[in-house]
Amino acid sequence: MNLQQRIAAFVHLGKFLSQFSNEKIEKKDGILFNDLFFDTFKHQLKLAQEHNGWFNQDNLLFATESWANALTENNINTWLEKYNFNTENPKTIAVIMAGNIPLVGFHDFLSVLISGHNALVKQSSNDKHLLPFLAKYLEYTAPEFKGRISFTDQKLEGFDAVIATGSDNTARYFEYYFKNKPAIIRKNRNSIAVLTGKESPEELEGLADDIFRYYGLGCRSVSKLYLPENYNFDAFFQAMYKWNHIIHDLKYANNYDYNKAVYLMSEFDMLENGFLMIKEDQNFSSPIATVFYQYYNDIVDLKSTLNEQKEKIQCVVSKGFTDNEIVFGDTQSPNLWDYADNVDTVDFLLKV
């Protein structure tokens, strides 16, 4: 199975996923094996939502639409053009996935298969319905994938390298357990936004998406703001209002009420608008329904400080602050070449 065949299979998968978006779920003509898979995937989306209360329909369809937009022939070719696929030596790559947002491990899965390797996948119990189905679709569109994709709930065995994503605590276990294997091991990271106070209403509304999408559970979700001294929060809160409906989600509301009670009992200073709390705090990782903030006096000093802590930061949302910044509103729509933790997964896989 050559690279072009693998690319073609994922392009077909992208076209299949393009039928499922928040705008509408609509069966299209010309999609391979649609009669077999379309209604079944709708059922899998329903099962995913029933199994995990954080996976509401809006977030599930946002995830599927994002991958549909990413898996175009042009995007995949742009992503892969810098790599040398001339020599292929298939290995079995174990992929241990997180389950904080829908299909969060799909990029690792894609990278393993597109590199010509076999995927041995251990899913999170929180996100176990969608990927096996998409793997089955790939096997129909490209039968050569059969036997090259496997899923397990048991102890991982018979693999040559590993890509594992988890918390700082699980990372320590992974580092010990896989110490004799080539590995990418990811720890906790959070995303931040650096504001100047001159942001437009549209930019701040984009920031709202960066904060609230997936309930803030993703490593690309903005959990902390850096603000100039005497920052006026009026425009910020006004822009956040577009997400006021989130408080009607029971799991989110329960977290909001709980964290608010903790802050009030602890007599912490915080600002809130009925569905979001902001609290001055030096930490990066904020609880659900909360965003931390910290003031800065000097941009140069802030750049230095953040550079020292870059191992804790996934994305920086800003305008004109740094070369690798993310545009307001785009944190949850990464390109295929935007690697988690800035570790080039494909380069790693081609050298295994």
Protein backbone atom coordinates (compact mmCIF):
# COMPACT_ATOMS: atom_id res chain seq x y z
CA MET A 1 0.00 0.00 0.00
CA ASN A 2 1.70 3.18 -1.15
CA LEU A 3 1.46 6.73 0.18
CA GLN A 4 -0.99 7.91 -2.49
CA GLN A 5 -3.37 5.07 -1.66
CA ARG A 6 -3.23 5.99 2.02
CA ILE A 7 -3.85 9.65 1.25
CA ALA A 8 -6.80 8.75 -0.98
CA ALA A 9 -8.38 6.68 1.80
CA PHE A 10 -8.24 9.57 4.28
CA VAL A 11 -9.57 12.00 1.64
CA HIS A 12 -12.58 9.70 1.24
CA LEU A 13 -12.97 9.67 5.02
CA GLY A 14 -12.93 13.48 5.04
CA LYS A 15 -15.68 13.56 2.43
CA PHE A 16 -17.71 11.12 4.52
CA LEU A 17 -17.31 13.27 7.63
CA SER A 18 -18.31 16.41 5.68
CA GLN A 19 -21.91 15.19 5.92
CA PHE A 20 -21.93 15.82 9.68
CA SER A 21 -21.74 19.44 10.84
CA ASN A 22 -23.54 21.77 13.21
CA GLU A 23 -25.12 23.48 10.23
CA LYS A 24 -26.80 20.26 9.15
CA ILE A 25 -26.49 16.50 8.95
CA GLU A 26 -27.20 15.65 5.35
CA LYS A 27 -26.56 12.60 3.24
CA LYS A 28 -24.65 13.51 0.09
CA ASP A 29 -24.31 11.82 -3.26
CA GLY A 30 -21.00 10.34 -4.36
CA ILE A 31 -19.73 9.30 -0.93
CA LEU A 32 -18.21 5.84 -0.91
CA PHE A 33 -20.17 3.19 1.03
CA ASN A 34 -22.62 5.81 2.27
CA ASP A 35 -25.60 3.46 2.37
CA LEU A 36 -23.67 1.20 4.69
CA PHE A 37 -22.11 3.82 6.98
CA PHE A 38 -24.17 7.06 7.08
CA ASP A 39 -27.01 6.02 9.40
CA THR A 40 -24.68 3.87 11.48
CA PHE A 41 -22.38 6.83 12.14
CA LYS A 42 -25.35 8.92 13.26
CA HIS A 43 -26.02 6.15 15.77
CA GLN A 44 -22.39 6.18 16.91
CA LEU A 45 -22.61 9.92 17.52
CA LYS A 46 -25.71 9.30 19.62
CA LEU A 47 -23.93 6.59 21.61
CA ALA A 48 -20.91 8.84 22.19
CA GLN A 49 -23.21 11.56 23.53
CA GLU A 50 -25.06 9.16 25.83
CA HIS A 51 -21.82 7.67 27.15
CA ASN A 52 -20.06 10.96 27.94
CA GLY A 53 -22.03 13.98 29.11
CA TRP A 54 -19.27 16.35 27.95
CA PHE A 55 -19.70 15.12 24.37
CA ASN A 56 -22.82 17.07 23.47
CA GLN A 57 -24.03 17.17 19.88
CA ASP A 58 -22.52 20.60 19.25
CA ASN A 59 -19.02 19.46 20.26
CA LEU A 60 -19.26 16.12 18.48
CA LEU A 61 -20.30 17.74 15.22
CA PHE A 62 -17.70 20.50 15.60
CA ALA A 63 -15.06 17.76 15.86
CA THR A 64 -16.31 15.83 12.84
CA GLU A 65 -16.58 19.01 10.76
CA SER A 66 -13.07 20.07 11.78
CA TRP A 67 -11.65 16.77 10.60
CA ALA A 68 -13.66 16.94 7.40
CA ASN A 69 -12.11 20.34 6.69
CA ALA A 70 -8.62 19.04 7.49
CA LEU A 71 -8.77 15.83 5.45
CA THR A 72 -8.67 17.30 1.97
CA GLU A 73 -6.18 16.20 -0.64
CA ASN A 74 -4.59 19.65 -0.71
CA ASN A 75 -4.21 19.82 3.08
CA ILE A 76 -2.74 16.35 3.35
CA ASN A 77 -0.29 16.92 0.49
CA THR A 78 0.78 20.26 2.00
CA TRP A 79 1.33 18.54 5.34
CA LEU A 80 3.40 15.69 3.94
CA GLU A 81 5.43 17.39 1.22
CA LYS A 82 8.50 17.96 3.40
CA TYR A 83 8.90 14.32 4.41
CA ASN A 84 10.69 11.47 2.66
CA PHE A 85 8.45 8.41 2.35
CA ASN A 86 10.67 6.60 -0.14
CA THR A 87 11.79 3.96 2.35
CA GLU A 88 9.05 2.29 4.34
CA ASN A 89 9.63 -0.22 7.10
CA PRO A 90 6.23 -0.93 8.73
CA LYS A 91 6.31 -1.17 12.51
CA THR A 92 3.54 -1.51 15.06
CA ILE A 93 2.96 1.75 16.91
CA ALA A 94 0.99 1.72 20.15
CA VAL A 95 -1.18 4.81 20.56
CA ILE A 96 -2.57 5.55 24.02
CA MET A 97 -5.29 8.15 23.69
CA ALA A 98 -6.83 10.70 26.03
CA GLY A 99 -10.61 11.17 26.12
CA ASN A 100 -11.09 14.79 27.09
CA ILE A 101 -12.58 15.91 23.76
CA PRO A 102 -14.10 13.95 20.85
CA LEU A 103 -11.55 12.23 18.57
CA VAL A 104 -8.69 13.87 20.45
CA GLY A 105 -6.35 11.03 19.45
CA PHE A 106 -7.26 11.03 15.76
CA HIS A 107 -4.16 12.95 14.65
CA ASP A 108 -1.85 10.32 16.16
CA PHE A 109 -3.94 7.58 14.52
CA LEU A 110 -3.75 9.38 11.18
CA SER A 111 -0.01 10.00 11.50
CA VAL A 112 0.74 6.36 12.24
CA LEU A 113 -1.21 5.04 9.26
CA ILE A 114 -0.14 7.75 6.81
CA SER A 115 3.48 6.95 7.70
CA GLY A 116 2.97 3.35 6.62
CA HIS A 117 2.91 1.78 10.08
CA ASN A 118 0.38 -0.42 11.87
CA ALA A 119 -1.73 1.14 14.64
CA LEU A 120 -2.34 -0.58 17.97
CA VAL A 121 -4.81 1.71 19.72
CA LYS A 122 -5.73 1.87 23.39
CA GLN A 123 -8.63 4.29 23.72
CA SER A 124 -9.88 6.20 26.71
CA SER A 125 -13.12 4.80 28.11
CA ASN A 126 -14.52 8.32 27.71
CA ASP A 127 -14.18 8.30 23.92
CA LYS A 128 -14.51 4.80 22.52
CA HIS A 129 -17.34 4.90 19.98
CA LEU A 130 -16.18 7.00 17.06
CA LEU A 131 -12.66 5.94 16.10
CA PRO A 132 -13.29 2.18 15.64
CA PHE A 133 -16.14 3.10 13.32
CA LEU A 134 -13.95 5.45 11.28
CA ALA A 135 -11.26 2.76 11.16
CA LYS A 136 -13.82 0.36 9.71
CA TYR A 137 -14.73 2.95 7.07
CA LEU A 138 -11.05 3.23 6.13
CA GLU A 139 -10.84 -0.53 5.76
CA TYR A 140 -13.75 -0.49 3.34
CA THR A 141 -12.32 2.32 1.24
CA ALA A 142 -8.81 0.80 1.31
CA PRO A 143 -8.93 -2.94 2.08
CA GLU A 144 -5.13 -2.88 2.46
CA PHE A 145 -5.70 -1.32 5.90
CA LYS A 146 -7.29 -4.55 7.12
CA GLY A 147 -5.04 -6.18 9.67
CA ARG A 148 -3.09 -2.95 10.16
CA ILE A 149 -5.47 -1.35 12.68
CA SER A 150 -6.28 -2.95 16.01
CA PHE A 151 -7.88 -1.81 19.25
CA THR A 152 -7.30 -3.23 22.70
CA ASP A 153 -8.45 -2.77 26.28
CA GLN A 154 -5.77 -5.11 27.55
CA LYS A 155 -2.10 -4.71 28.34
CA LEU A 156 -0.18 -3.46 25.32
CA GLU A 157 2.05 -6.09 23.76
CA GLY A 158 3.93 -6.61 20.52
CA PHE A 159 4.66 -2.99 19.60
CA ASP A 160 7.80 -1.22 18.45
CA ALA A 161 7.15 2.37 19.59
CA VAL A 162 4.52 4.30 21.48
CA ILE A 163 2.69 7.61 21.44
CA ALA A 164 0.99 8.21 24.79
CA THR A 165 -1.08 11.16 25.94
CA GLY A 166 -2.13 11.71 29.53
CA SER A 167 -1.71 13.79 32.64
CA ASP A 168 1.55 14.70 34.37
CA ASN A 169 0.93 11.76 36.74
CA THR A 170 0.30 9.19 34.02
CA ALA A 171 3.27 10.55 32.06
CA ARG A 172 5.60 9.48 34.86
CA TYR A 173 4.16 5.97 34.63
CA PHE A 174 4.46 5.99 30.84
CA GLU A 175 8.08 7.16 31.00
CA TYR A 176 8.97 4.28 33.28
CA TYR A 177 6.90 1.62 31.56
CA PHE A 178 8.07 2.52 28.03
CA LYS A 179 11.65 3.46 28.91
CA ASN A 180 13.03 0.86 26.49
CA LYS A 181 10.87 1.90 23.53
CA PRO A 182 11.01 4.93 21.22
CA ALA A 183 8.24 7.14 22.55
CA ILE A 184 6.39 10.41 22.43
CA ILE A 185 4.88 11.03 25.85
CA ARG A 186 2.66 14.04 26.33
CA LYS A 187 1.87 15.70 29.65
CA ASN A 188 -0.55 18.39 30.79
CA ARG A 189 -0.51 21.57 28.74
CA ASN A 190 -2.76 24.60 28.65
CA SER A 191 -3.32 27.47 26.28
CA ILE A 192 -3.14 31.16 27.06
CA ALA A 193 -4.17 34.47 25.53
CA VAL A 194 -2.19 37.69 25.70
CA LEU A 195 -4.43 40.75 25.46
CA THR A 196 -3.53 44.41 25.00
CA GLY A 197 -6.95 45.96 25.68
CA LYS A 198 -7.18 47.03 22.02
CA GLU A 199 -8.84 43.88 20.73
CA SER A 200 -11.87 44.28 18.48
CA PRO A 201 -15.28 42.87 19.49
CA GLU A 202 -14.81 40.20 16.81
CA GLU A 203 -11.44 39.15 18.23
CA LEU A 204 -12.86 38.91 21.73
CA GLU A 205 -15.78 36.84 20.45
CA GLY A 206 -13.20 34.56 18.85
CA LEU A 207 -11.51 34.33 22.24
CA ALA A 208 -14.86 33.25 23.69
CA ASP A 209 -14.82 30.29 21.31
CA ASP A 210 -11.26 29.49 22.41
CA ILE A 211 -12.40 29.48 26.03
CA PHE A 212 -15.75 27.67 25.86
CA ARG A 213 -15.42 25.18 22.99
CA TYR A 214 -15.39 21.64 24.42
CA TYR A 215 -16.23 23.23 27.79
CA GLY A 216 -12.59 24.29 28.05
CA LEU A 217 -11.46 20.66 28.45
CA GLY A 218 -8.94 20.62 25.60
CA CYS A 219 -5.23 21.41 25.86
CA ARG A 220 -5.87 24.00 23.13
CA SER A 221 -8.61 25.64 25.22
CA VAL A 222 -7.61 29.01 26.64
CA SER A 223 -7.48 28.70 30.41
CA LYS A 224 -5.46 31.80 31.28
CA LEU A 225 -5.30 35.44 30.21
CA TYR A 226 -2.38 37.85 30.42
CA LEU A 227 -3.68 41.40 30.73
CA PRO A 228 -2.17 44.89 30.87
CA GLU A 229 -2.46 46.72 34.18
CA ASN A 230 -5.85 48.40 34.69
CA TYR A 231 -7.49 46.26 32.03
CA ASN A 232 -11.18 47.05 31.57
CA PHE A 233 -13.19 43.82 31.58
CA ASP A 234 -16.40 45.31 30.15
CA ALA A 235 -15.67 44.47 26.50
CA PHE A 236 -14.38 41.04 27.51
CA PHE A 237 -17.56 40.07 29.35
CA GLN A 238 -19.71 41.52 26.59
CA ALA A 239 -17.96 39.27 24.06
CA MET A 240 -18.30 36.21 26.30
CA TYR A 241 -22.09 36.59 26.29
CA LYS A 242 -22.41 34.70 22.97
CA TRP A 243 -21.74 31.55 25.03
CA ASN A 244 -24.27 32.26 27.78
CA HIS A 245 -26.30 29.19 26.74
CA ILE A 246 -23.56 26.96 28.15
CA ILE A 247 -24.93 27.38 31.68
CA HIS A 248 -27.97 25.34 30.63
CA ASP A 249 -25.75 22.26 30.27
CA LEU A 250 -26.17 20.42 33.56
CA LYS A 251 -22.59 19.15 33.95
CA TYR A 252 -21.17 22.60 33.23
CA ALA A 253 -23.67 24.29 35.56
CA ASN A 254 -22.81 21.90 38.38
CA ASN A 255 -19.11 22.69 37.99
CA TYR A 256 -19.86 26.42 37.85
CA ASP A 257 -21.90 26.25 41.07
CA TYR A 258 -19.33 24.12 42.86
CA ASN A 259 -16.32 26.23 41.93
CA LYS A 260 -18.17 29.45 42.71
CA ALA A 261 -19.03 28.12 46.16
CA VAL A 262 -15.39 27.16 46.78
CA TYR A 263 -14.19 30.62 45.77
CA LEU A 264 -16.77 32.38 47.91
CA MET A 265 -16.10 30.24 50.98
CA SER A 266 -12.37 30.76 50.52
CA GLU A 267 -13.00 34.50 50.12
CA PHE A 268 -11.09 34.60 46.83
CA ASP A 269 -11.54 37.69 44.71
CA MET A 270 -13.13 36.87 41.37
CA LEU A 271 -15.40 38.35 38.75
CA GLU A 272 -18.29 36.44 37.20
CA ASN A 273 -21.20 36.93 34.83
CA GLY A 274 -23.50 34.03 35.64
CA PHE A 275 -21.71 31.43 33.51
CA LEU A 276 -17.98 32.27 33.69
CA MET A 277 -15.68 33.22 36.55
CA ILE A 278 -12.32 34.91 36.15
CA LYS A 279 -9.81 34.81 38.96
CA GLU A 280 -6.33 36.27 39.35
CA ASP A 281 -4.00 33.29 39.65
CA GLN A 282 -0.46 32.36 38.60
CA ASN A 283 -1.39 28.81 37.55
CA PHE A 284 -2.12 27.82 33.95
CA SER A 285 -4.75 25.15 34.51
CA SER A 286 -8.09 26.56 35.61
CA PRO A 287 -11.18 24.61 36.72
CA ILE A 288 -14.21 24.26 34.45
CA ALA A 289 -16.22 27.50 34.18
CA THR A 290 -13.18 29.48 35.33
CA VAL A 291 -10.44 31.37 33.53
CA PHE A 292 -7.35 32.58 35.38
CA TYR A 293 -5.70 35.88 34.61
CA GLN A 294 -2.49 37.67 35.47
CA TYR A 295 -1.37 41.23 34.82
CA TYR A 296 1.82 42.21 33.03
CA ASN A 297 3.76 45.47 32.91
CA ASP A 298 6.27 44.84 30.15
CA ILE A 299 5.85 42.80 26.95
CA VAL A 300 9.54 41.86 26.79
CA ASP A 301 9.49 40.56 30.34
CA LEU A 302 6.30 38.63 29.63
CA LYS A 303 7.86 36.99 26.58
CA SER A 304 10.82 35.93 28.70
CA THR A 305 8.60 34.57 31.44
CA LEU A 306 6.44 32.56 29.04
CA ASN A 307 9.49 31.22 27.23
CA GLU A 308 10.76 29.84 30.53
CA GLN A 309 7.44 28.02 30.97
CA LYS A 310 6.91 26.96 27.35
CA GLU A 311 6.77 23.27 28.32
CA LYS A 312 3.43 24.00 30.02
CA ILE A 313 1.90 25.96 27.14
CA GLN A 314 0.18 24.46 24.10
CA CYS A 315 -1.05 27.58 22.27
CA VAL A 316 -0.61 31.33 22.60
CA VAL A 317 -3.55 33.37 21.33
CA SER A 318 -2.58 36.94 20.58
CA LYS A 319 -2.10 39.57 17.87
CA GLY A 320 1.47 40.63 17.20
CA PHE A 321 2.91 39.15 20.37
CA THR A 322 4.86 36.14 19.07
CA ASP A 323 5.74 34.45 15.79
CA ASN A 324 3.85 31.23 16.58
CA GLU A 325 0.68 32.84 17.89
CA ILE A 326 -2.82 31.57 17.09
CA VAL A 327 -5.47 33.90 15.69
CA PHE A 328 -8.36 34.62 18.05
CA GLY A 329 -11.00 31.93 17.58
CA ASP A 330 -8.76 29.37 15.87
CA THR A 331 -7.34 27.27 18.70
CA GLN A 332 -9.69 24.35 18.08
CA SER A 333 -9.12 24.30 14.32
CA PRO A 334 -5.44 23.32 14.02
CA ASN A 335 -3.80 22.46 10.73
CA LEU A 336 -2.48 18.95 10.18
CA TRP A 337 1.05 20.31 10.63
CA ASP A 338 0.26 21.94 14.00
CA TYR A 339 1.71 19.24 16.24
CA ALA A 340 0.78 18.79 19.89
CA ASP A 341 3.60 19.92 22.18
CA ASN A 342 5.47 21.03 19.03
CA VAL A 343 6.76 17.47 18.59
CA ASP A 344 6.78 16.41 14.93
CA THR A 345 4.92 13.09 15.09
CA VAL A 346 5.50 12.13 11.46
CA ASP A 347 9.24 12.79 11.69
CA PHE A 348 9.33 10.57 14.78
CA LEU A 349 7.41 7.80 13.00
CA LEU A 350 9.58 7.88 9.90
CA LYS A 351 12.68 7.36 12.05
CA VAL A 352 11.36 4.49 14.18
